[in-house]
């Protein structure tokens, strides 16, 4: 029931995309993107990256498994785990997936927050594999905000959603703290930019 409703909603939306070439350039280079976004933007990320065979990290709890069903409905795959439950097993599985040629995705501040504070998983995976982080952010011109820890944004029908894909971030082994700081700065910048784009007439 939820997935058809998401499809119906997203087909009414005007999508403005900047930086789509970054995803394509990573794929053409023979590497795989590690897509990184805030948990509160799962809905536009799910729609934009549909049917690409991406492997996303989801929580092992009930909410995470509900999200996993939606992601899989839209043609992607999931690995269950979090910092508190099965985290290292999930990270090893994601490392195998990306080395096998599959893009992966992280809700950086999930599954419990705090909001907009990145957890180290995406940065660890980038440093361990040499594959780049691809920052992703989306803002809607009109939306409902769910009163949850992540302030999930649900675009209203017929709104405009601006999506920004930032330049890839490449990390070397041991650059975890540098990577977290850089990723936070990039997503903050892209949040401002996407808000400006979504509100422009």
N, C-alpha and C. Protein backbone atom coordinates (compact mmCIF):
# COMPACT_ATOMS: atom_id res chain seq x y z
N UNK A 1 0.82 -1.20 0.00
CA UNK A 1 0.00 0.00 0.00
C UNK A 1 0.86 1.26 0.00
N UNK A 2 1.96 1.26 0.77
CA UNK A 2 2.80 2.44 0.87
C UNK A 2 3.54 2.71 -0.44
N UNK A 3 4.12 1.68 -1.04
CA UNK A 3 4.91 1.87 -2.26
C UNK A 3 4.09 2.44 -3.41
N UNK A 4 2.87 1.95 -3.70
CA UNK A 4 2.06 2.59 -4.75
C UNK A 4 1.73 4.05 -4.43
N UNK A 5 1.53 4.36 -3.15
CA UNK A 5 1.25 5.75 -2.76
C UNK A 5 2.47 6.64 -3.03
N UNK A 6 3.67 6.12 -2.74
CA UNK A 6 4.89 6.88 -3.03
C UNK A 6 5.03 7.11 -4.53
N UNK A 7 4.77 6.08 -5.32
CA UNK A 7 4.85 6.22 -6.78
C UNK A 7 3.88 7.27 -7.28
N UNK A 8 2.64 7.21 -6.79
CA UNK A 8 1.63 8.17 -7.23
C UNK A 8 2.03 9.60 -6.86
N UNK A 9 2.53 9.78 -5.64
CA UNK A 9 2.96 11.10 -5.20
C UNK A 9 4.11 11.61 -6.05
N UNK A 10 5.14 10.79 -6.24
CA UNK A 10 6.35 11.23 -6.91
C UNK A 10 6.11 11.57 -8.38
N UNK A 11 5.10 10.98 -8.97
CA UNK A 11 4.79 11.29 -10.38
C UNK A 11 4.13 12.66 -10.53
N UNK A 12 3.67 13.25 -9.44
CA UNK A 12 3.10 14.60 -9.52
C UNK A 12 4.15 15.68 -9.33
N UNK A 13 5.34 15.29 -8.90
CA UNK A 13 6.37 16.24 -8.49
C UNK A 13 7.20 16.69 -9.69
N UNK A 14 7.61 17.95 -9.67
CA UNK A 14 8.60 18.47 -10.61
C UNK A 14 9.97 18.29 -9.99
N UNK A 15 10.84 17.55 -10.68
CA UNK A 15 12.16 17.25 -10.14
C UNK A 15 13.20 18.12 -10.83
N UNK A 16 14.01 18.80 -10.05
CA UNK A 16 15.13 19.58 -10.57
C UNK A 16 16.42 18.92 -10.07
N UNK A 17 17.23 18.47 -11.01
CA UNK A 17 18.41 17.67 -10.65
C UNK A 17 19.68 18.42 -11.02
N UNK A 18 20.61 18.51 -10.08
CA UNK A 18 21.94 19.03 -10.35
C UNK A 18 22.98 17.99 -9.92
N UNK A 19 23.95 17.76 -10.78
CA UNK A 19 25.05 16.87 -10.42
C UNK A 19 24.84 15.42 -10.78
N UNK A 20 23.84 15.11 -11.62
CA UNK A 20 23.62 13.72 -12.01
C UNK A 20 24.84 13.12 -12.69
N UNK A 21 25.63 13.97 -13.32
CA UNK A 21 26.81 13.48 -14.03
C UNK A 21 27.83 12.83 -13.09
N UNK A 22 27.82 13.22 -11.82
CA UNK A 22 28.78 12.64 -10.88
C UNK A 22 28.55 11.14 -10.70
N UNK A 23 27.30 10.74 -10.58
CA UNK A 23 26.98 9.30 -10.46
C UNK A 23 27.48 8.57 -11.70
N UNK A 24 27.17 9.10 -12.88
CA UNK A 24 27.55 8.43 -14.12
C UNK A 24 29.06 8.36 -14.30
N UNK A 25 29.75 9.42 -13.90
CA UNK A 25 31.21 9.43 -14.03
C UNK A 25 31.86 8.37 -13.14
N UNK A 26 31.33 8.20 -11.94
CA UNK A 26 31.88 7.18 -11.04
C UNK A 26 31.70 5.79 -11.66
N UNK A 27 30.51 5.52 -12.17
CA UNK A 27 30.25 4.21 -12.79
C UNK A 27 31.18 3.99 -13.98
N UNK A 28 31.33 5.01 -14.82
CA UNK A 28 32.20 4.86 -16.01
C UNK A 28 33.65 4.65 -15.64
N UNK A 29 34.05 5.14 -14.45
CA UNK A 29 35.45 4.98 -14.04
C UNK A 29 35.76 3.57 -13.55
N UNK A 30 34.72 2.73 -13.41
CA UNK A 30 34.92 1.38 -12.92
C UNK A 30 34.79 1.25 -11.42
N UNK A 31 34.54 2.37 -10.73
CA UNK A 31 34.29 2.34 -9.30
C UNK A 31 32.79 2.35 -9.05
N UNK A 32 32.42 2.29 -7.77
CA UNK A 32 31.02 2.31 -7.38
C UNK A 32 30.78 3.43 -6.37
N UNK A 33 29.67 4.14 -6.47
CA UNK A 33 29.39 5.22 -5.51
C UNK A 33 28.91 4.69 -4.17
N UNK A 34 29.33 5.37 -3.12
CA UNK A 34 28.79 5.16 -1.77
C UNK A 34 27.88 6.36 -1.52
N UNK A 35 26.60 6.19 -1.77
CA UNK A 35 25.65 7.31 -1.74
C UNK A 35 25.32 7.64 -0.29
N UNK A 36 25.46 8.92 0.07
CA UNK A 36 25.30 9.33 1.46
C UNK A 36 24.31 10.48 1.56
N UNK A 37 23.32 10.34 2.43
CA UNK A 37 22.27 11.36 2.58
C UNK A 37 21.75 11.31 4.01
N UNK A 38 21.03 12.36 4.41
CA UNK A 38 20.43 12.38 5.74
C UNK A 38 19.18 11.50 5.78
N UNK A 39 18.94 10.88 6.92
CA UNK A 39 17.83 9.94 7.08
C UNK A 39 16.49 10.58 6.71
N UNK A 40 16.34 11.86 6.99
CA UNK A 40 15.08 12.54 6.71
C UNK A 40 14.78 12.75 5.24
N UNK A 41 15.69 12.33 4.37
CA UNK A 41 15.48 12.48 2.92
C UNK A 41 15.41 11.12 2.23
N UNK A 42 14.98 10.11 2.96
CA UNK A 42 14.90 8.76 2.39
C UNK A 42 13.90 8.70 1.24
N UNK A 43 12.78 9.42 1.34
CA UNK A 43 11.75 9.29 0.30
C UNK A 43 12.26 9.76 -1.07
N UNK A 44 12.79 10.99 -1.22
CA UNK A 44 13.29 11.36 -2.54
C UNK A 44 14.48 10.52 -2.99
N UNK A 45 15.32 10.08 -2.06
CA UNK A 45 16.44 9.22 -2.44
C UNK A 45 15.93 7.89 -3.00
N UNK A 46 14.91 7.33 -2.37
CA UNK A 46 14.33 6.07 -2.84
C UNK A 46 13.79 6.21 -4.25
N UNK A 47 13.10 7.30 -4.53
CA UNK A 47 12.52 7.50 -5.85
C UNK A 47 13.60 7.78 -6.90
N UNK A 48 14.53 8.67 -6.57
CA UNK A 48 15.54 9.06 -7.56
C UNK A 48 16.43 7.87 -7.94
N UNK A 49 16.81 7.04 -6.97
CA UNK A 49 17.73 5.94 -7.24
C UNK A 49 17.02 4.62 -7.49
N UNK A 50 15.75 4.66 -7.87
CA UNK A 50 14.99 3.43 -8.08
C UNK A 50 15.58 2.62 -9.25
N UNK A 51 15.46 1.30 -9.11
CA UNK A 51 15.83 0.35 -10.17
C UNK A 51 17.29 0.44 -10.59
N UNK A 52 18.17 0.66 -9.63
CA UNK A 52 19.60 0.73 -9.95
C UNK A 52 20.40 -0.39 -9.28
N UNK A 53 19.74 -1.27 -8.57
CA UNK A 53 20.46 -2.36 -7.93
C UNK A 53 21.38 -1.91 -6.81
N UNK A 54 21.05 -0.80 -6.17
CA UNK A 54 21.86 -0.27 -5.07
C UNK A 54 21.59 -1.09 -3.81
N UNK A 55 22.63 -1.31 -3.02
CA UNK A 55 22.51 -2.03 -1.76
C UNK A 55 22.55 -1.02 -0.63
N UNK A 56 21.45 -0.88 0.10
CA UNK A 56 21.34 0.13 1.15
C UNK A 56 21.43 -0.50 2.53
N UNK A 57 22.08 0.20 3.44
CA UNK A 57 22.11 -0.23 4.84
C UNK A 57 20.83 0.22 5.52
N UNK A 58 20.11 -0.71 6.13
CA UNK A 58 18.91 -0.38 6.89
C UNK A 58 19.02 -0.96 8.29
N UNK A 59 18.26 -0.40 9.20
CA UNK A 59 18.27 -0.88 10.58
C UNK A 59 17.64 -2.27 10.66
N UNK A 60 18.07 -3.03 11.67
CA UNK A 60 17.49 -4.35 11.89
C UNK A 60 16.18 -4.29 12.66
N UNK A 61 15.77 -3.09 13.10
CA UNK A 61 14.53 -3.00 13.88
C UNK A 61 13.31 -2.96 12.96
N UNK A 62 12.13 -2.84 13.54
CA UNK A 62 10.89 -2.90 12.76
C UNK A 62 10.82 -1.79 11.71
N UNK A 63 11.16 -0.55 12.12
CA UNK A 63 11.11 0.57 11.18
C UNK A 63 12.06 0.35 10.01
N UNK A 64 13.25 -0.15 10.33
CA UNK A 64 14.24 -0.40 9.28
C UNK A 64 13.78 -1.45 8.30
N UNK A 65 13.14 -2.49 8.79
CA UNK A 65 12.68 -3.54 7.89
C UNK A 65 11.50 -3.09 7.06
N UNK A 66 10.69 -2.20 7.60
CA UNK A 66 9.60 -1.59 6.81
C UNK A 66 10.18 -0.77 5.67
N UNK A 67 11.22 0.03 5.96
CA UNK A 67 11.89 0.81 4.94
C UNK A 67 12.53 -0.11 3.90
N UNK A 68 13.11 -1.22 4.37
CA UNK A 68 13.75 -2.17 3.46
C UNK A 68 12.76 -2.70 2.43
N UNK A 69 11.54 -3.00 2.85
CA UNK A 69 10.53 -3.50 1.91
C UNK A 69 10.24 -2.46 0.83
N UNK A 70 10.18 -1.18 1.21
CA UNK A 70 9.92 -0.12 0.24
C UNK A 70 11.09 -0.01 -0.74
N UNK A 71 12.32 -0.01 -0.23
CA UNK A 71 13.49 0.08 -1.09
C UNK A 71 13.54 -1.07 -2.08
N UNK A 72 13.23 -2.27 -1.61
CA UNK A 72 13.28 -3.43 -2.49
C UNK A 72 12.16 -3.39 -3.53
N UNK A 73 11.02 -2.83 -3.17
CA UNK A 73 9.94 -2.65 -4.14
C UNK A 73 10.40 -1.78 -5.30
N UNK A 74 11.27 -0.80 -5.01
CA UNK A 74 11.74 0.11 -6.04
C UNK A 74 13.05 -0.34 -6.68
N UNK A 75 13.32 -1.63 -6.65
CA UNK A 75 14.40 -2.21 -7.45
C UNK A 75 15.78 -2.11 -6.87
N UNK A 76 15.87 -2.00 -5.55
CA UNK A 76 17.18 -2.00 -4.91
C UNK A 76 17.25 -3.13 -3.87
N UNK A 77 18.33 -3.19 -3.12
CA UNK A 77 18.55 -4.28 -2.17
C UNK A 77 18.95 -3.70 -0.83
N UNK A 78 18.91 -4.50 0.21
CA UNK A 78 19.23 -3.99 1.54
C UNK A 78 20.08 -4.98 2.33
N UNK A 79 20.83 -4.43 3.26
CA UNK A 79 21.57 -5.19 4.26
C UNK A 79 21.16 -4.63 5.61
N UNK A 80 20.78 -5.50 6.54
CA UNK A 80 20.30 -5.05 7.85
C UNK A 80 21.46 -4.96 8.84
N UNK A 81 21.49 -3.86 9.58
CA UNK A 81 22.49 -3.70 10.62
C UNK A 81 22.53 -2.26 11.09
N UNK A 82 23.08 -2.03 12.26
CA UNK A 82 23.22 -0.68 12.80
C UNK A 82 24.39 -0.68 13.77
N UNK A 83 24.64 0.49 14.36
CA UNK A 83 25.76 0.57 15.31
C UNK A 83 25.53 -0.29 16.53
N UNK A 84 24.26 -0.60 16.83
CA UNK A 84 23.97 -1.38 18.03
C UNK A 84 23.62 -2.83 17.75
N UNK A 85 23.23 -3.14 16.49
CA UNK A 85 22.83 -4.50 16.18
C UNK A 85 23.39 -4.92 14.82
N UNK A 86 24.37 -5.83 14.86
CA UNK A 86 24.89 -6.39 13.62
C UNK A 86 25.67 -5.43 12.76
N UNK A 87 26.25 -4.40 13.36
CA UNK A 87 26.91 -3.36 12.58
C UNK A 87 28.12 -3.85 11.81
N UNK A 88 29.04 -4.56 12.45
CA UNK A 88 30.24 -5.01 11.76
C UNK A 88 29.91 -6.06 10.70
N UNK A 89 28.96 -6.92 10.99
CA UNK A 89 28.56 -7.91 9.98
C UNK A 89 28.01 -7.21 8.75
N UNK A 90 27.18 -6.17 8.98
CA UNK A 90 26.61 -5.43 7.86
C UNK A 90 27.69 -4.70 7.08
N UNK A 91 28.68 -4.11 7.76
CA UNK A 91 29.73 -3.40 7.06
C UNK A 91 30.58 -4.35 6.22
N UNK A 92 30.86 -5.53 6.74
CA UNK A 92 31.61 -6.51 5.95
C UNK A 92 30.83 -6.92 4.71
N UNK A 93 29.50 -7.07 4.86
CA UNK A 93 28.67 -7.43 3.72
C UNK A 93 28.66 -6.30 2.69
N UNK A 94 28.56 -5.05 3.14
CA UNK A 94 28.58 -3.93 2.20
C UNK A 94 29.93 -3.83 1.49
N UNK A 95 30.99 -4.13 2.19
CA UNK A 95 32.32 -4.13 1.54
C UNK A 95 32.36 -5.18 0.44
N UNK A 96 31.80 -6.37 0.71
CA UNK A 96 31.75 -7.41 -0.32
C UNK A 96 30.90 -6.96 -1.50
N UNK A 97 29.79 -6.29 -1.21
CA UNK A 97 28.88 -5.86 -2.27
C UNK A 97 29.55 -4.83 -3.18
N UNK A 98 30.23 -3.85 -2.60
CA UNK A 98 30.84 -2.82 -3.43
C UNK A 98 32.03 -3.37 -4.22
N UNK A 99 32.77 -4.29 -3.63
CA UNK A 99 33.88 -4.90 -4.35
C UNK A 99 33.38 -5.82 -5.47
N UNK A 100 32.14 -6.29 -5.34
CA UNK A 100 31.53 -7.11 -6.39
C UNK A 100 30.88 -6.26 -7.48
N UNK A 101 30.94 -4.93 -7.34
CA UNK A 101 30.45 -4.06 -8.39
C UNK A 101 29.08 -3.48 -8.18
N UNK A 102 28.63 -3.40 -6.91
CA UNK A 102 27.31 -2.85 -6.63
C UNK A 102 27.43 -1.51 -5.90
N UNK A 103 26.70 -0.48 -6.33
CA UNK A 103 26.64 0.76 -5.55
C UNK A 103 26.02 0.49 -4.18
N UNK A 104 26.38 1.29 -3.19
CA UNK A 104 25.78 1.14 -1.86
C UNK A 104 25.29 2.50 -1.38
N UNK A 105 24.42 2.48 -0.37
CA UNK A 105 23.83 3.73 0.13
C UNK A 105 23.71 3.70 1.64
N UNK A 106 23.89 4.88 2.24
CA UNK A 106 23.78 5.06 3.68
C UNK A 106 22.89 6.25 4.01
N UNK A 107 21.97 6.08 4.95
CA UNK A 107 21.38 7.23 5.63
C UNK A 107 22.37 7.56 6.76
N UNK A 108 23.13 8.61 6.58
CA UNK A 108 24.31 8.86 7.40
C UNK A 108 24.04 8.97 8.89
N UNK A 109 22.91 9.57 9.25
CA UNK A 109 22.63 9.79 10.67
C UNK A 109 21.66 8.77 11.25
N UNK A 110 21.37 7.73 10.49
CA UNK A 110 20.45 6.69 10.97
C UNK A 110 21.18 5.64 11.76
N UNK A 111 20.39 4.77 12.43
CA UNK A 111 18.93 4.75 12.45
C UNK A 111 18.29 5.55 13.60
N UNK A 112 19.10 6.10 14.49
CA UNK A 112 18.52 6.76 15.67
C UNK A 112 18.98 8.20 15.87
N UNK A 113 19.85 8.68 15.01
CA UNK A 113 20.31 10.05 15.16
C UNK A 113 21.49 10.18 16.11
N UNK A 114 21.77 11.40 16.53
CA UNK A 114 20.97 12.61 16.30
C UNK A 114 20.99 13.06 14.84
N UNK A 115 19.95 13.81 14.46
CA UNK A 115 19.80 14.25 13.08
C UNK A 115 20.99 15.09 12.64
N UNK A 116 21.42 14.83 11.41
CA UNK A 116 22.49 15.59 10.75
C UNK A 116 23.83 15.45 11.46
N UNK A 117 24.00 14.37 12.21
CA UNK A 117 25.30 14.03 12.78
C UNK A 117 25.72 12.70 12.15
N UNK A 118 26.70 12.72 11.24
CA UNK A 118 27.01 11.50 10.48
C UNK A 118 27.68 10.43 11.33
N UNK A 119 27.24 9.21 11.13
CA UNK A 119 27.91 8.05 11.70
C UNK A 119 29.04 7.63 10.75
N UNK A 120 30.01 6.85 11.24
CA UNK A 120 31.25 6.66 10.45
C UNK A 120 31.18 5.61 9.34
N UNK A 121 30.06 4.92 9.17
CA UNK A 121 30.04 3.78 8.25
C UNK A 121 30.44 4.10 6.83
N UNK A 122 29.87 5.14 6.23
CA UNK A 122 30.17 5.48 4.84
C UNK A 122 31.63 5.86 4.67
N UNK A 123 32.16 6.62 5.62
CA UNK A 123 33.55 7.05 5.55
C UNK A 123 34.48 5.86 5.70
N UNK A 124 34.16 4.96 6.64
CA UNK A 124 34.98 3.75 6.81
C UNK A 124 35.02 2.95 5.52
N UNK A 125 33.87 2.78 4.88
CA UNK A 125 33.79 1.97 3.66
C UNK A 125 34.57 2.62 2.52
N UNK A 126 34.49 3.94 2.40
CA UNK A 126 35.23 4.63 1.35
C UNK A 126 36.73 4.48 1.55
N UNK A 127 37.19 4.64 2.78
CA UNK A 127 38.63 4.51 3.06
C UNK A 127 39.11 3.07 2.89
N UNK A 128 38.24 2.10 3.19
CA UNK A 128 38.63 0.69 3.11
C UNK A 128 38.65 0.16 1.69
N UNK A 129 37.87 0.76 0.78
CA UNK A 129 37.73 0.20 -0.56
C UNK A 129 38.26 1.09 -1.67
N UNK A 130 38.47 2.37 -1.41
CA UNK A 130 38.91 3.28 -2.46
C UNK A 130 37.79 3.80 -3.34
N UNK A 131 36.56 3.43 -3.02
CA UNK A 131 35.42 3.92 -3.77
C UNK A 131 34.93 5.24 -3.16
N UNK A 132 34.40 6.15 -3.98
CA UNK A 132 34.09 7.49 -3.48
C UNK A 132 32.71 7.59 -2.84
N UNK A 133 32.60 8.52 -1.90
CA UNK A 133 31.30 8.90 -1.34
C UNK A 133 30.64 9.89 -2.29
N UNK A 134 29.36 9.67 -2.57
CA UNK A 134 28.58 10.57 -3.41
C UNK A 134 27.54 11.27 -2.54
N UNK A 135 27.75 12.53 -2.16
CA UNK A 135 26.77 13.24 -1.32
C UNK A 135 25.47 13.49 -2.09
N UNK A 136 24.34 13.33 -1.39
CA UNK A 136 23.01 13.51 -2.00
C UNK A 136 22.15 14.30 -1.03
N UNK A 137 21.48 15.32 -1.55
CA UNK A 137 20.52 16.03 -0.71
C UNK A 137 19.33 16.46 -1.55
N UNK A 138 18.15 16.57 -0.90
CA UNK A 138 16.92 16.97 -1.59
C UNK A 138 16.12 17.89 -0.68
N UNK A 139 15.48 18.88 -1.29
CA UNK A 139 14.58 19.79 -0.58
C UNK A 139 13.34 20.01 -1.44
N UNK A 140 12.18 20.03 -0.80
CA UNK A 140 10.92 20.26 -1.50
C UNK A 140 10.44 21.69 -1.27
N UNK A 141 9.76 22.24 -2.27
CA UNK A 141 9.23 23.60 -2.14
C UNK A 141 8.05 23.65 -1.17
N UNK A 142 7.33 22.53 -1.04
CA UNK A 142 6.22 22.41 -0.08
C UNK A 142 6.22 20.99 0.43
N UNK A 143 6.07 20.82 1.74
CA UNK A 143 6.20 19.47 2.30
C UNK A 143 5.53 19.38 3.67
N UNK A 144 5.28 18.13 4.06
CA UNK A 144 4.92 17.82 5.43
C UNK A 144 6.18 17.34 6.13
N UNK A 145 6.34 17.71 7.40
CA UNK A 145 7.48 17.23 8.18
C UNK A 145 6.97 16.35 9.31
N UNK A 146 7.43 15.11 9.31
CA UNK A 146 7.01 14.16 10.34
C UNK A 146 7.72 14.50 11.65
N UNK A 147 7.01 14.42 12.74
CA UNK A 147 7.59 14.78 14.05
C UNK A 147 8.35 13.59 14.61
N UNK A 148 9.44 13.25 13.93
CA UNK A 148 10.32 12.17 14.36
C UNK A 148 11.71 12.75 14.56
N UNK A 149 12.62 11.94 15.09
CA UNK A 149 13.96 12.45 15.39
C UNK A 149 14.67 12.99 14.14
N UNK A 150 14.36 12.41 12.96
CA UNK A 150 15.06 12.81 11.74
C UNK A 150 14.32 13.89 10.95
N UNK A 151 13.14 14.31 11.43
CA UNK A 151 12.35 15.34 10.75
C UNK A 151 12.14 14.99 9.27
N UNK A 152 11.66 13.77 9.04
CA UNK A 152 11.44 13.29 7.68
C UNK A 152 10.58 14.26 6.88
N UNK A 153 11.05 14.56 5.68
CA UNK A 153 10.34 15.48 4.80
C UNK A 153 9.57 14.67 3.76
N UNK A 154 8.25 14.91 3.69
CA UNK A 154 7.40 14.28 2.68
C UNK A 154 6.91 15.38 1.75
N UNK A 155 7.39 15.41 0.51
CA UNK A 155 6.95 16.47 -0.41
C UNK A 155 5.45 16.42 -0.64
N UNK A 156 4.84 17.59 -0.77
CA UNK A 156 3.42 17.65 -1.07
C UNK A 156 3.20 17.43 -2.57
N UNK A 157 2.02 16.92 -2.94
CA UNK A 157 1.73 16.73 -4.37
C UNK A 157 1.92 18.03 -5.15
N UNK A 158 2.50 17.89 -6.34
CA UNK A 158 2.71 18.99 -7.28
C UNK A 158 3.72 20.03 -6.78
N UNK A 159 4.50 19.66 -5.79
CA UNK A 159 5.59 20.53 -5.35
C UNK A 159 6.78 20.34 -6.29
N UNK A 160 7.82 21.15 -6.06
CA UNK A 160 9.10 21.01 -6.76
C UNK A 160 10.13 20.47 -5.77
N UNK A 161 10.85 19.45 -6.19
CA UNK A 161 11.92 18.90 -5.35
C UNK A 161 13.25 19.10 -6.07
N UNK A 162 14.17 19.79 -5.40
CA UNK A 162 15.51 20.00 -5.94
C UNK A 162 16.45 18.95 -5.34
N UNK A 163 17.15 18.25 -6.21
CA UNK A 163 18.11 17.24 -5.80
C UNK A 163 19.50 17.70 -6.22
N UNK A 164 20.43 17.65 -5.27
CA UNK A 164 21.82 18.00 -5.54
C UNK A 164 22.68 16.77 -5.28
N UNK A 165 23.44 16.34 -6.29
CA UNK A 165 24.45 15.31 -6.10
C UNK A 165 25.80 16.01 -6.13
N UNK A 166 26.52 15.95 -5.01
CA UNK A 166 27.79 16.65 -4.90
C UNK A 166 28.92 15.91 -5.60
N UNK A 167 30.04 16.60 -5.74
CA UNK A 167 31.22 15.97 -6.33
C UNK A 167 31.68 14.81 -5.44
N UNK A 168 32.17 13.74 -6.05
CA UNK A 168 32.61 12.58 -5.25
C UNK A 168 33.72 12.95 -4.27
N UNK A 169 33.70 12.30 -3.13
CA UNK A 169 34.71 12.48 -2.09
C UNK A 169 35.54 11.20 -2.00
N UNK A 170 36.82 11.29 -2.33
CA UNK A 170 37.73 10.15 -2.27
C UNK A 170 38.56 10.24 -0.99
N UNK A 171 38.68 9.13 -0.29
CA UNK A 171 39.42 9.10 0.97
C UNK A 171 40.50 8.03 0.92
N UNK A 172 41.56 8.29 1.65
CA UNK A 172 42.61 7.30 1.81
C UNK A 172 42.46 6.62 3.17
N UNK A 173 43.11 5.51 3.33
CA UNK A 173 43.05 4.77 4.59
C UNK A 173 43.48 5.68 5.74
N UNK A 174 42.67 5.73 6.80
CA UNK A 174 43.00 6.53 7.97
C UNK A 174 42.43 7.94 7.96
N UNK A 175 41.72 8.31 6.90
CA UNK A 175 41.20 9.68 6.80
C UNK A 175 39.75 9.78 7.31
N UNK A 176 39.41 8.99 8.30
CA UNK A 176 38.02 8.92 8.75
C UNK A 176 37.50 10.25 9.30
N UNK A 177 38.24 10.87 10.21
CA UNK A 177 37.74 12.11 10.81
C UNK A 177 37.71 13.23 9.79
N UNK A 178 38.71 13.29 8.91
CA UNK A 178 38.72 14.28 7.84
C UNK A 178 37.51 14.08 6.94
N UNK A 179 37.21 12.82 6.62
CA UNK A 179 36.09 12.51 5.75
C UNK A 179 34.76 12.90 6.36
N UNK A 180 34.57 12.66 7.64
CA UNK A 180 33.32 13.04 8.30
C UNK A 180 33.12 14.55 8.28
N UNK A 181 34.18 15.30 8.56
CA UNK A 181 34.08 16.76 8.54
C UNK A 181 33.76 17.27 7.14
N UNK A 182 34.45 16.72 6.15
CA UNK A 182 34.24 17.17 4.77
C UNK A 182 32.83 16.84 4.31
N UNK A 183 32.35 15.65 4.62
CA UNK A 183 31.02 15.23 4.20
C UNK A 183 29.94 16.10 4.84
N UNK A 184 30.11 16.43 6.11
CA UNK A 184 29.14 17.29 6.79
C UNK A 184 29.09 18.67 6.14
N UNK A 185 30.27 19.22 5.80
CA UNK A 185 30.31 20.53 5.15
C UNK A 185 29.64 20.50 3.79
N UNK A 186 29.90 19.46 3.01
CA UNK A 186 29.32 19.35 1.67
C UNK A 186 27.80 19.25 1.75
N UNK A 187 27.30 18.40 2.63
CA UNK A 187 25.85 18.24 2.74
C UNK A 187 25.18 19.51 3.25
N UNK A 188 25.83 20.24 4.13
CA UNK A 188 25.28 21.51 4.61
C UNK A 188 25.19 22.51 3.46
N UNK A 189 26.24 22.57 2.65
CA UNK A 189 26.23 23.46 1.48
C UNK A 189 25.14 23.06 0.49
N UNK A 190 25.02 21.75 0.23
CA UNK A 190 24.03 21.27 -0.73
C UNK A 190 22.61 21.46 -0.22
N UNK A 191 22.42 21.42 1.10
CA UNK A 191 21.10 21.68 1.67
C UNK A 191 20.67 23.11 1.35
N UNK A 192 21.58 24.05 1.54
CA UNK A 192 21.26 25.45 1.23
C UNK A 192 21.00 25.62 -0.26
N UNK A 193 21.83 25.02 -1.08
CA UNK A 193 21.68 25.16 -2.53
C UNK A 193 20.37 24.54 -3.01
N UNK A 194 20.02 23.36 -2.53
CA UNK A 194 18.80 22.69 -2.99
C UNK A 194 17.55 23.44 -2.51
N UNK A 195 17.63 24.07 -1.34
CA UNK A 195 16.50 24.88 -0.86
C UNK A 195 16.29 26.08 -1.78
N UNK A 196 17.39 26.69 -2.22
CA UNK A 196 17.29 27.83 -3.14
C UNK A 196 16.69 27.39 -4.48
N UNK A 197 17.13 26.24 -4.98
CA UNK A 197 16.67 25.76 -6.28
C UNK A 197 15.19 25.40 -6.22
N UNK A 198 14.77 24.74 -5.14
CA UNK A 198 13.37 24.28 -5.05
C UNK A 198 12.40 25.46 -4.95
N UNK A 199 12.86 26.57 -4.38
CA UNK A 199 11.97 27.72 -4.19
C UNK A 199 12.00 28.70 -5.36
N UNK A 200 12.94 28.49 -6.31
CA UNK A 200 13.06 29.40 -7.45
C UNK A 200 11.90 29.19 -8.42
N UNK A 201 11.43 30.26 -8.97
CA UNK A 201 10.34 30.19 -9.95
C UNK A 201 10.90 30.16 -11.37
